[in-house]
N, C-alpha and C. Protein backbone atom coordinates (compact mmCIF):
# COMPACT_ATOMS: atom_id res chain seq x y z
N UNK A 1 80.32 125.33 117.28
CA UNK A 1 81.60 125.51 116.61
C UNK A 1 82.03 126.97 116.80
N UNK A 2 83.25 127.16 117.17
CA UNK A 2 83.77 128.52 117.35
C UNK A 2 84.54 128.93 116.12
N UNK A 3 84.53 130.21 115.87
CA UNK A 3 85.26 130.73 114.72
C UNK A 3 86.69 131.03 115.12
N UNK A 4 87.59 130.68 114.22
CA UNK A 4 89.00 131.03 114.41
C UNK A 4 89.39 131.98 113.29
N UNK A 5 89.69 133.18 113.67
CA UNK A 5 90.10 134.20 112.70
C UNK A 5 89.04 134.38 111.61
N UNK A 6 87.78 134.14 111.96
CA UNK A 6 86.70 134.33 111.00
C UNK A 6 86.68 133.28 109.91
N UNK A 7 87.36 132.14 110.08
CA UNK A 7 87.46 131.14 109.01
C UNK A 7 86.61 129.92 109.34
N UNK A 8 85.33 129.97 108.96
CA UNK A 8 84.47 128.79 109.12
C UNK A 8 84.33 128.04 107.80
N UNK A 9 84.82 128.62 106.72
CA UNK A 9 84.72 127.98 105.41
C UNK A 9 85.52 126.69 105.33
N UNK A 10 86.63 126.60 106.06
CA UNK A 10 87.47 125.41 105.98
C UNK A 10 86.80 124.21 106.63
N UNK A 11 85.86 124.44 107.56
CA UNK A 11 85.17 123.34 108.23
C UNK A 11 83.93 122.90 107.48
N UNK A 12 83.43 123.72 106.59
CA UNK A 12 82.21 123.41 105.85
C UNK A 12 82.49 122.29 104.85
N UNK A 13 81.67 121.21 104.86
CA UNK A 13 81.91 120.11 103.92
C UNK A 13 81.73 120.53 102.47
N UNK A 14 82.68 120.11 101.64
CA UNK A 14 82.61 120.31 100.21
C UNK A 14 81.80 119.17 99.58
N UNK A 15 81.84 118.02 100.24
CA UNK A 15 81.19 116.81 99.74
C UNK A 15 80.69 116.00 100.93
N UNK A 16 79.48 115.49 100.82
CA UNK A 16 78.93 114.61 101.85
C UNK A 16 78.07 113.56 101.16
N UNK A 17 78.27 112.30 101.52
CA UNK A 17 77.48 111.22 100.95
C UNK A 17 77.19 110.18 102.01
N UNK A 18 76.01 109.61 101.94
CA UNK A 18 75.65 108.49 102.80
C UNK A 18 75.46 107.28 101.91
N UNK A 19 76.28 106.26 102.12
CA UNK A 19 76.24 105.06 101.30
C UNK A 19 75.54 103.95 102.06
N UNK A 20 74.64 103.27 101.39
CA UNK A 20 73.95 102.14 102.01
C UNK A 20 73.61 101.12 100.93
N UNK A 21 73.50 99.85 101.29
CA UNK A 21 73.22 98.81 100.29
C UNK A 21 71.78 98.89 99.79
N UNK A 22 71.60 98.53 98.54
CA UNK A 22 70.29 98.53 97.92
C UNK A 22 69.54 97.25 98.29
N UNK A 23 68.29 97.38 98.63
CA UNK A 23 67.42 96.24 98.88
C UNK A 23 66.24 96.37 97.92
N UNK A 24 66.07 95.38 97.04
CA UNK A 24 65.05 95.47 96.00
C UNK A 24 63.64 95.21 96.51
N UNK A 25 63.50 94.58 97.65
CA UNK A 25 62.19 94.27 98.20
C UNK A 25 61.96 95.13 99.44
N UNK A 26 60.98 96.02 99.36
CA UNK A 26 60.67 96.90 100.49
C UNK A 26 59.91 96.16 101.58
N UNK A 27 59.57 96.87 102.65
CA UNK A 27 58.86 96.28 103.78
C UNK A 27 57.50 95.72 103.38
N UNK A 28 56.75 96.48 102.59
CA UNK A 28 55.42 96.03 102.17
C UNK A 28 55.53 94.78 101.30
N UNK A 29 56.47 94.78 100.37
CA UNK A 29 56.69 93.61 99.52
C UNK A 29 57.12 92.40 100.32
N UNK A 30 57.94 92.63 101.34
CA UNK A 30 58.38 91.54 102.21
C UNK A 30 57.19 90.93 102.95
N UNK A 31 56.30 91.76 103.47
CA UNK A 31 55.12 91.26 104.19
C UNK A 31 54.20 90.48 103.27
N UNK A 32 54.00 90.98 102.04
CA UNK A 32 53.15 90.28 101.08
C UNK A 32 53.77 88.93 100.70
N UNK A 33 55.07 88.94 100.40
CA UNK A 33 55.75 87.69 100.04
C UNK A 33 55.72 86.69 101.18
N UNK A 34 55.93 87.16 102.41
CA UNK A 34 55.90 86.27 103.56
C UNK A 34 54.50 85.71 103.80
N UNK A 35 53.47 86.55 103.62
CA UNK A 35 52.09 86.08 103.78
C UNK A 35 51.76 85.02 102.73
N UNK A 36 52.14 85.25 101.48
CA UNK A 36 51.88 84.26 100.43
C UNK A 36 52.62 82.95 100.70
N UNK A 37 53.88 83.05 101.09
CA UNK A 37 54.66 81.85 101.39
C UNK A 37 54.06 81.12 102.59
N UNK A 38 53.58 81.86 103.58
CA UNK A 38 52.95 81.26 104.75
C UNK A 38 51.67 80.51 104.39
N UNK A 39 50.87 81.12 103.54
CA UNK A 39 49.62 80.47 103.10
C UNK A 39 49.93 79.19 102.33
N UNK A 40 50.88 79.24 101.41
CA UNK A 40 51.24 78.05 100.62
C UNK A 40 51.79 76.95 101.52
N UNK A 41 52.71 77.31 102.43
CA UNK A 41 53.28 76.30 103.33
C UNK A 41 52.22 75.72 104.26
N UNK A 42 51.33 76.56 104.76
CA UNK A 42 50.28 76.09 105.65
C UNK A 42 49.30 75.16 104.91
N UNK A 43 48.92 75.56 103.69
CA UNK A 43 47.98 74.75 102.90
C UNK A 43 48.57 73.38 102.58
N UNK A 44 49.76 73.38 101.96
CA UNK A 44 50.35 72.10 101.55
C UNK A 44 50.85 71.29 102.75
N UNK A 45 51.34 71.97 103.78
CA UNK A 45 51.74 71.26 104.99
C UNK A 45 50.56 70.57 105.63
N UNK A 46 49.42 71.30 105.73
CA UNK A 46 48.21 70.71 106.28
C UNK A 46 47.68 69.57 105.42
N UNK A 47 47.76 69.74 104.11
CA UNK A 47 47.30 68.71 103.18
C UNK A 47 48.10 67.42 103.36
N UNK A 48 49.42 67.54 103.45
CA UNK A 48 50.26 66.35 103.63
C UNK A 48 50.04 65.72 105.01
N UNK A 49 49.84 66.55 106.04
CA UNK A 49 49.60 66.00 107.37
C UNK A 49 48.26 65.26 107.42
N UNK A 50 47.27 65.79 106.72
CA UNK A 50 45.96 65.14 106.66
C UNK A 50 46.05 63.78 105.97
N UNK A 51 46.92 63.68 104.96
CA UNK A 51 47.07 62.42 104.22
C UNK A 51 47.95 61.41 104.97
N UNK A 52 48.50 61.84 106.10
CA UNK A 52 49.31 60.91 106.90
C UNK A 52 50.81 61.07 106.71
N UNK A 53 51.21 61.98 105.85
CA UNK A 53 52.64 62.21 105.62
C UNK A 53 53.07 63.40 106.48
N UNK A 54 52.95 63.25 107.80
CA UNK A 54 53.22 64.35 108.71
C UNK A 54 54.64 64.89 108.65
N UNK A 55 55.69 64.05 108.33
CA UNK A 55 57.04 64.66 108.25
C UNK A 55 57.14 65.73 107.15
N UNK A 56 56.42 65.52 106.05
CA UNK A 56 56.47 66.50 104.97
C UNK A 56 55.82 67.80 105.44
N UNK A 57 54.73 67.70 106.18
CA UNK A 57 54.08 68.88 106.72
C UNK A 57 55.00 69.67 107.63
N UNK A 58 55.77 68.96 108.45
CA UNK A 58 56.71 69.63 109.34
C UNK A 58 57.82 70.32 108.54
N UNK A 59 58.26 69.68 107.46
CA UNK A 59 59.30 70.30 106.63
C UNK A 59 58.81 71.58 105.95
N UNK A 60 57.51 71.64 105.62
CA UNK A 60 56.97 72.90 105.08
C UNK A 60 57.10 74.01 106.13
N UNK A 61 56.88 73.67 107.39
CA UNK A 61 57.06 74.65 108.46
C UNK A 61 58.50 75.09 108.59
N UNK A 62 59.44 74.14 108.48
CA UNK A 62 60.86 74.49 108.52
C UNK A 62 61.26 75.36 107.34
N UNK A 63 60.70 75.05 106.15
CA UNK A 63 60.99 75.87 104.97
C UNK A 63 60.56 77.32 105.20
N UNK A 64 59.37 77.49 105.79
CA UNK A 64 58.88 78.84 106.05
C UNK A 64 59.80 79.56 107.05
N UNK A 65 60.22 78.87 108.10
CA UNK A 65 61.12 79.48 109.08
C UNK A 65 62.47 79.84 108.47
N UNK A 66 62.99 78.98 107.60
CA UNK A 66 64.26 79.28 106.92
C UNK A 66 64.12 80.49 105.99
N UNK A 67 63.01 80.58 105.28
CA UNK A 67 62.77 81.73 104.41
C UNK A 67 62.71 83.01 105.23
N UNK A 68 61.97 82.97 106.33
CA UNK A 68 61.87 84.14 107.21
C UNK A 68 63.26 84.51 107.76
N UNK A 69 64.02 83.52 108.21
CA UNK A 69 65.36 83.77 108.76
C UNK A 69 66.31 84.37 107.73
N UNK A 70 66.25 83.87 106.50
CA UNK A 70 67.12 84.39 105.44
C UNK A 70 66.81 85.86 105.17
N UNK A 71 65.53 86.20 105.07
CA UNK A 71 65.17 87.60 104.82
C UNK A 71 65.48 88.48 106.03
N UNK A 72 65.32 87.96 107.23
CA UNK A 72 65.66 88.73 108.42
C UNK A 72 67.15 89.08 108.40
N UNK A 73 68.01 88.10 108.09
CA UNK A 73 69.45 88.36 108.02
C UNK A 73 69.77 89.35 106.89
N UNK A 74 69.08 89.22 105.77
CA UNK A 74 69.30 90.13 104.64
C UNK A 74 68.96 91.57 105.02
N UNK A 75 67.81 91.78 105.66
CA UNK A 75 67.44 93.13 106.07
C UNK A 75 68.35 93.66 107.17
N UNK A 76 68.81 92.79 108.04
CA UNK A 76 69.73 93.22 109.09
C UNK A 76 71.04 93.71 108.47
N UNK A 77 71.56 92.98 107.49
CA UNK A 77 72.80 93.41 106.84
C UNK A 77 72.58 94.69 106.02
N UNK A 78 71.34 94.97 105.66
CA UNK A 78 71.02 96.19 104.94
C UNK A 78 71.11 97.45 105.79
N UNK A 79 71.26 97.29 107.11
CA UNK A 79 71.39 98.45 107.98
C UNK A 79 72.82 99.00 108.00
N UNK A 80 73.72 98.35 107.30
CA UNK A 80 75.10 98.85 107.18
C UNK A 80 75.05 100.15 106.39
N UNK A 81 75.85 101.11 106.80
CA UNK A 81 75.94 102.36 106.04
C UNK A 81 77.27 103.03 106.30
N UNK A 82 77.62 103.92 105.40
CA UNK A 82 78.85 104.70 105.54
C UNK A 82 78.54 106.15 105.24
N UNK A 83 79.07 107.04 106.04
CA UNK A 83 78.96 108.48 105.82
C UNK A 83 80.34 109.00 105.46
N UNK A 84 80.44 109.59 104.28
CA UNK A 84 81.72 110.11 103.79
C UNK A 84 81.59 111.61 103.61
N UNK A 85 82.49 112.35 104.25
CA UNK A 85 82.50 113.81 104.08
C UNK A 85 83.91 114.28 103.76
N UNK A 86 83.96 115.33 102.96
CA UNK A 86 85.23 115.95 102.60
C UNK A 86 85.11 117.44 102.88
N UNK A 87 86.03 117.94 103.68
CA UNK A 87 86.11 119.39 103.91
C UNK A 87 87.55 119.81 103.61
N UNK A 88 87.79 121.07 103.74
CA UNK A 88 89.14 121.60 103.47
C UNK A 88 90.18 121.03 104.44
N UNK A 89 89.75 120.65 105.64
CA UNK A 89 90.69 120.19 106.65
C UNK A 89 90.59 118.70 106.97
N UNK A 90 89.59 118.01 106.40
CA UNK A 90 89.36 116.65 106.86
C UNK A 90 88.61 115.81 105.83
N UNK A 91 89.01 114.54 105.73
CA UNK A 91 88.24 113.53 105.01
C UNK A 91 87.82 112.53 106.08
N UNK A 92 86.52 112.37 106.23
CA UNK A 92 85.98 111.52 107.28
C UNK A 92 85.13 110.40 106.68
N UNK A 93 85.38 109.17 107.14
CA UNK A 93 84.57 108.03 106.75
C UNK A 93 84.04 107.40 108.04
N UNK A 94 82.74 107.47 108.22
CA UNK A 94 82.10 106.87 109.39
C UNK A 94 81.36 105.62 108.94
N UNK A 95 81.76 104.47 109.47
CA UNK A 95 81.16 103.19 109.11
C UNK A 95 80.28 102.69 110.24
N UNK A 96 79.03 102.38 109.90
CA UNK A 96 78.07 101.89 110.87
C UNK A 96 77.77 100.43 110.56
N UNK A 97 77.92 99.57 111.57
CA UNK A 97 77.62 98.15 111.42
C UNK A 97 76.12 97.93 111.60
N UNK A 98 75.61 96.73 111.26
CA UNK A 98 74.18 96.46 111.46
C UNK A 98 73.74 96.63 112.91
N UNK A 99 74.63 96.41 113.85
CA UNK A 99 74.28 96.55 115.27
C UNK A 99 74.27 98.01 115.71
N UNK A 100 74.73 98.92 114.84
CA UNK A 100 74.76 100.34 115.17
C UNK A 100 76.12 100.85 115.62
N UNK A 101 77.09 99.95 115.76
CA UNK A 101 78.44 100.36 116.18
C UNK A 101 79.09 101.20 115.08
N UNK A 102 79.74 102.28 115.47
CA UNK A 102 80.33 103.18 114.50
C UNK A 102 81.85 103.21 114.66
N UNK A 103 82.55 103.18 113.52
CA UNK A 103 83.99 103.32 113.49
C UNK A 103 84.28 104.48 112.53
N UNK A 104 85.12 105.41 112.98
CA UNK A 104 85.42 106.58 112.16
C UNK A 104 86.88 106.57 111.73
N UNK A 105 87.09 106.86 110.45
CA UNK A 105 88.44 106.98 109.89
C UNK A 105 88.58 108.42 109.38
N UNK A 106 89.67 109.08 109.78
CA UNK A 106 89.90 110.47 109.37
C UNK A 106 91.25 110.56 108.65
N UNK A 107 91.25 111.39 107.62
CA UNK A 107 92.45 111.59 106.82
C UNK A 107 92.62 113.08 106.54
N UNK A 108 93.87 113.50 106.40
CA UNK A 108 94.17 114.84 105.94
C UNK A 108 93.93 114.85 104.43
N UNK A 109 93.09 115.74 103.91
CA UNK A 109 92.76 115.70 102.48
C UNK A 109 93.97 115.92 101.57
N UNK A 110 95.00 116.59 102.06
CA UNK A 110 96.17 116.83 101.22
C UNK A 110 97.08 115.60 101.13
N UNK A 111 96.95 114.68 102.08
CA UNK A 111 97.73 113.45 102.06
C UNK A 111 96.91 112.25 101.61
N UNK A 112 95.60 112.40 101.58
CA UNK A 112 94.71 111.29 101.24
C UNK A 112 94.80 110.96 99.75
N UNK A 113 94.82 109.69 99.46
CA UNK A 113 94.81 109.19 98.08
C UNK A 113 93.60 108.28 97.92
N UNK A 114 92.86 108.49 96.85
CA UNK A 114 91.69 107.67 96.57
C UNK A 114 92.09 106.65 95.51
N UNK A 115 92.05 105.39 95.88
CA UNK A 115 92.49 104.32 94.98
C UNK A 115 91.28 103.54 94.50
N UNK A 116 91.17 103.41 93.20
CA UNK A 116 90.06 102.68 92.58
C UNK A 116 90.65 101.52 91.79
N UNK A 117 90.21 100.30 92.09
CA UNK A 117 90.65 99.12 91.35
C UNK A 117 89.54 98.70 90.40
N UNK A 118 89.89 98.52 89.14
CA UNK A 118 88.90 98.14 88.12
C UNK A 118 89.21 96.76 87.56
N UNK A 119 88.14 96.08 87.15
CA UNK A 119 88.27 94.80 86.46
C UNK A 119 87.52 94.89 85.15
N UNK A 120 88.09 94.30 84.14
CA UNK A 120 87.49 94.31 82.82
C UNK A 120 86.12 93.62 82.87
N UNK A 121 85.12 94.28 82.32
CA UNK A 121 83.78 93.71 82.28
C UNK A 121 82.95 93.93 83.53
N UNK A 122 83.58 94.29 84.63
CA UNK A 122 82.86 94.49 85.89
C UNK A 122 82.80 95.98 86.23
N UNK A 123 83.87 96.69 85.95
CA UNK A 123 83.97 98.09 86.34
C UNK A 123 84.78 98.22 87.61
N UNK A 124 84.35 99.09 88.49
CA UNK A 124 85.07 99.30 89.74
C UNK A 124 84.87 98.09 90.65
N UNK A 125 85.98 97.53 91.05
CA UNK A 125 85.97 96.35 91.90
C UNK A 125 86.13 96.73 93.37
N UNK A 126 86.95 97.75 93.62
CA UNK A 126 87.23 98.13 94.99
C UNK A 126 87.61 99.61 95.04
N UNK A 127 87.22 100.26 96.15
CA UNK A 127 87.59 101.66 96.37
C UNK A 127 88.17 101.77 97.77
N UNK A 128 89.24 102.54 97.89
CA UNK A 128 89.83 102.74 99.21
C UNK A 128 90.47 104.11 99.29
N UNK A 129 90.48 104.60 100.52
CA UNK A 129 91.18 105.86 100.83
C UNK A 129 92.38 105.47 101.67
N UNK A 130 93.53 106.04 101.32
CA UNK A 130 94.72 105.75 102.09
C UNK A 130 95.54 107.01 102.26
N UNK A 131 96.26 107.05 103.34
CA UNK A 131 97.11 108.19 103.62
C UNK A 131 97.67 108.10 105.02
N UNK A 132 98.86 108.63 105.19
CA UNK A 132 99.53 108.67 106.48
C UNK A 132 99.66 107.28 107.11
N UNK A 133 99.88 106.26 106.27
CA UNK A 133 100.08 104.90 106.76
C UNK A 133 98.81 104.16 107.12
N UNK A 134 97.67 104.73 106.84
CA UNK A 134 96.38 104.09 107.14
C UNK A 134 95.57 103.97 105.86
N UNK A 135 94.61 103.03 105.87
CA UNK A 135 93.73 102.90 104.71
C UNK A 135 92.40 102.30 105.16
N UNK A 136 91.37 102.57 104.37
CA UNK A 136 90.05 102.00 104.63
C UNK A 136 89.30 101.79 103.33
N UNK A 137 88.61 100.67 103.24
CA UNK A 137 87.75 100.38 102.09
C UNK A 137 86.47 101.18 102.24
N UNK A 138 85.92 101.63 101.12
CA UNK A 138 84.63 102.30 101.17
C UNK A 138 83.73 101.77 100.06
N UNK A 139 82.44 101.74 100.35
CA UNK A 139 81.44 101.37 99.36
C UNK A 139 81.52 99.95 98.85
N UNK A 140 82.01 99.01 99.65
CA UNK A 140 82.17 97.63 99.19
C UNK A 140 80.83 96.97 98.88
N UNK A 141 79.74 97.48 99.43
CA UNK A 141 78.42 96.90 99.23
C UNK A 141 77.64 97.55 98.09
N UNK A 142 78.22 98.56 97.44
CA UNK A 142 77.53 99.26 96.36
C UNK A 142 77.54 98.44 95.07
N UNK A 143 76.54 98.67 94.23
CA UNK A 143 76.53 98.03 92.92
C UNK A 143 77.48 98.79 91.99
N UNK A 144 77.86 98.22 90.85
CA UNK A 144 78.86 98.86 89.98
C UNK A 144 78.49 100.28 89.52
N UNK A 145 77.22 100.53 89.22
CA UNK A 145 76.81 101.87 88.77
C UNK A 145 76.97 102.89 89.89
N UNK A 146 76.59 102.50 91.10
CA UNK A 146 76.73 103.42 92.24
C UNK A 146 78.20 103.65 92.59
N UNK A 147 79.03 102.63 92.41
CA UNK A 147 80.47 102.82 92.65
C UNK A 147 81.05 103.82 91.68
N UNK A 148 80.66 103.71 90.40
CA UNK A 148 81.14 104.66 89.38
C UNK A 148 80.73 106.09 89.74
N UNK A 149 79.46 106.25 90.10
CA UNK A 149 78.94 107.57 90.43
C UNK A 149 79.65 108.15 91.66
N UNK A 150 79.80 107.33 92.70
CA UNK A 150 80.48 107.80 93.90
C UNK A 150 81.93 108.15 93.61
N UNK A 151 82.63 107.29 92.88
CA UNK A 151 84.05 107.53 92.58
C UNK A 151 84.24 108.84 91.83
N UNK A 152 83.38 109.11 90.89
CA UNK A 152 83.49 110.36 90.12
C UNK A 152 83.27 111.57 91.03
N UNK A 153 82.22 111.53 91.85
CA UNK A 153 81.92 112.67 92.72
C UNK A 153 82.99 112.85 93.80
N UNK A 154 83.45 111.76 94.39
CA UNK A 154 84.45 111.85 95.45
C UNK A 154 85.79 112.34 94.90
N UNK A 155 86.18 111.84 93.74
CA UNK A 155 87.42 112.29 93.11
C UNK A 155 87.36 113.79 92.83
N UNK A 156 86.23 114.25 92.33
CA UNK A 156 86.05 115.68 92.07
C UNK A 156 86.13 116.51 93.33
N UNK A 157 85.52 116.04 94.41
CA UNK A 157 85.55 116.77 95.67
C UNK A 157 86.96 116.84 96.24
N UNK A 158 87.68 115.73 96.18
CA UNK A 158 89.05 115.71 96.69
C UNK A 158 89.95 116.65 95.87
N UNK A 159 89.75 116.67 94.55
CA UNK A 159 90.53 117.57 93.69
C UNK A 159 90.19 119.03 93.99
N UNK A 160 88.93 119.32 94.24
CA UNK A 160 88.51 120.69 94.56
C UNK A 160 89.17 121.18 95.84
N UNK A 161 89.19 120.34 96.85
CA UNK A 161 89.80 120.70 98.14
C UNK A 161 91.30 120.92 97.97
N UNK A 162 91.95 120.08 97.20
CA UNK A 162 93.40 120.20 97.02
C UNK A 162 93.78 121.42 96.20
N UNK A 163 92.88 121.86 95.32
CA UNK A 163 93.16 123.05 94.50
C UNK A 163 93.10 124.34 95.32
N UNK A 164 92.27 124.35 96.35
CA UNK A 164 92.10 125.56 97.16
C UNK A 164 93.15 125.62 98.26
N UNK A 165 94.27 126.15 97.95
CA UNK A 165 95.36 126.23 98.94
C UNK A 165 95.35 127.54 99.65
């Protein structure tokens, strides 16, 4: 980065956050749960096949594969993330898909508006940044407590940048 007139402060982020979905079961827990489910399916599947009810044994195998597939898709969707930064000259939202593809949305902080939609009993339902005829949703995968926390911090950062003229 080159300095212009000695002003590097305007490029320095006032706020930076990385948003990602919460997964309650970690890798170790997933392996333990999968091992237990595998043992149960193998035991009862084998038991039914031994008794001559082989279709039931095969269905236990399908159940195990469906369980594995569901968790695989869940963890894959957990790779979604968003990087939000606010500086004196820029509001940047970088969205990463599970495949790793990145889309970046940039806004002028003086024109950017942070819109929060609330529902009674739920809290924040939706958050979006809009400005200059463009808009983008942010934090759609966050739980209500994390949305509240992010909204408060982001609103404060945007107000801080706008105050420093």
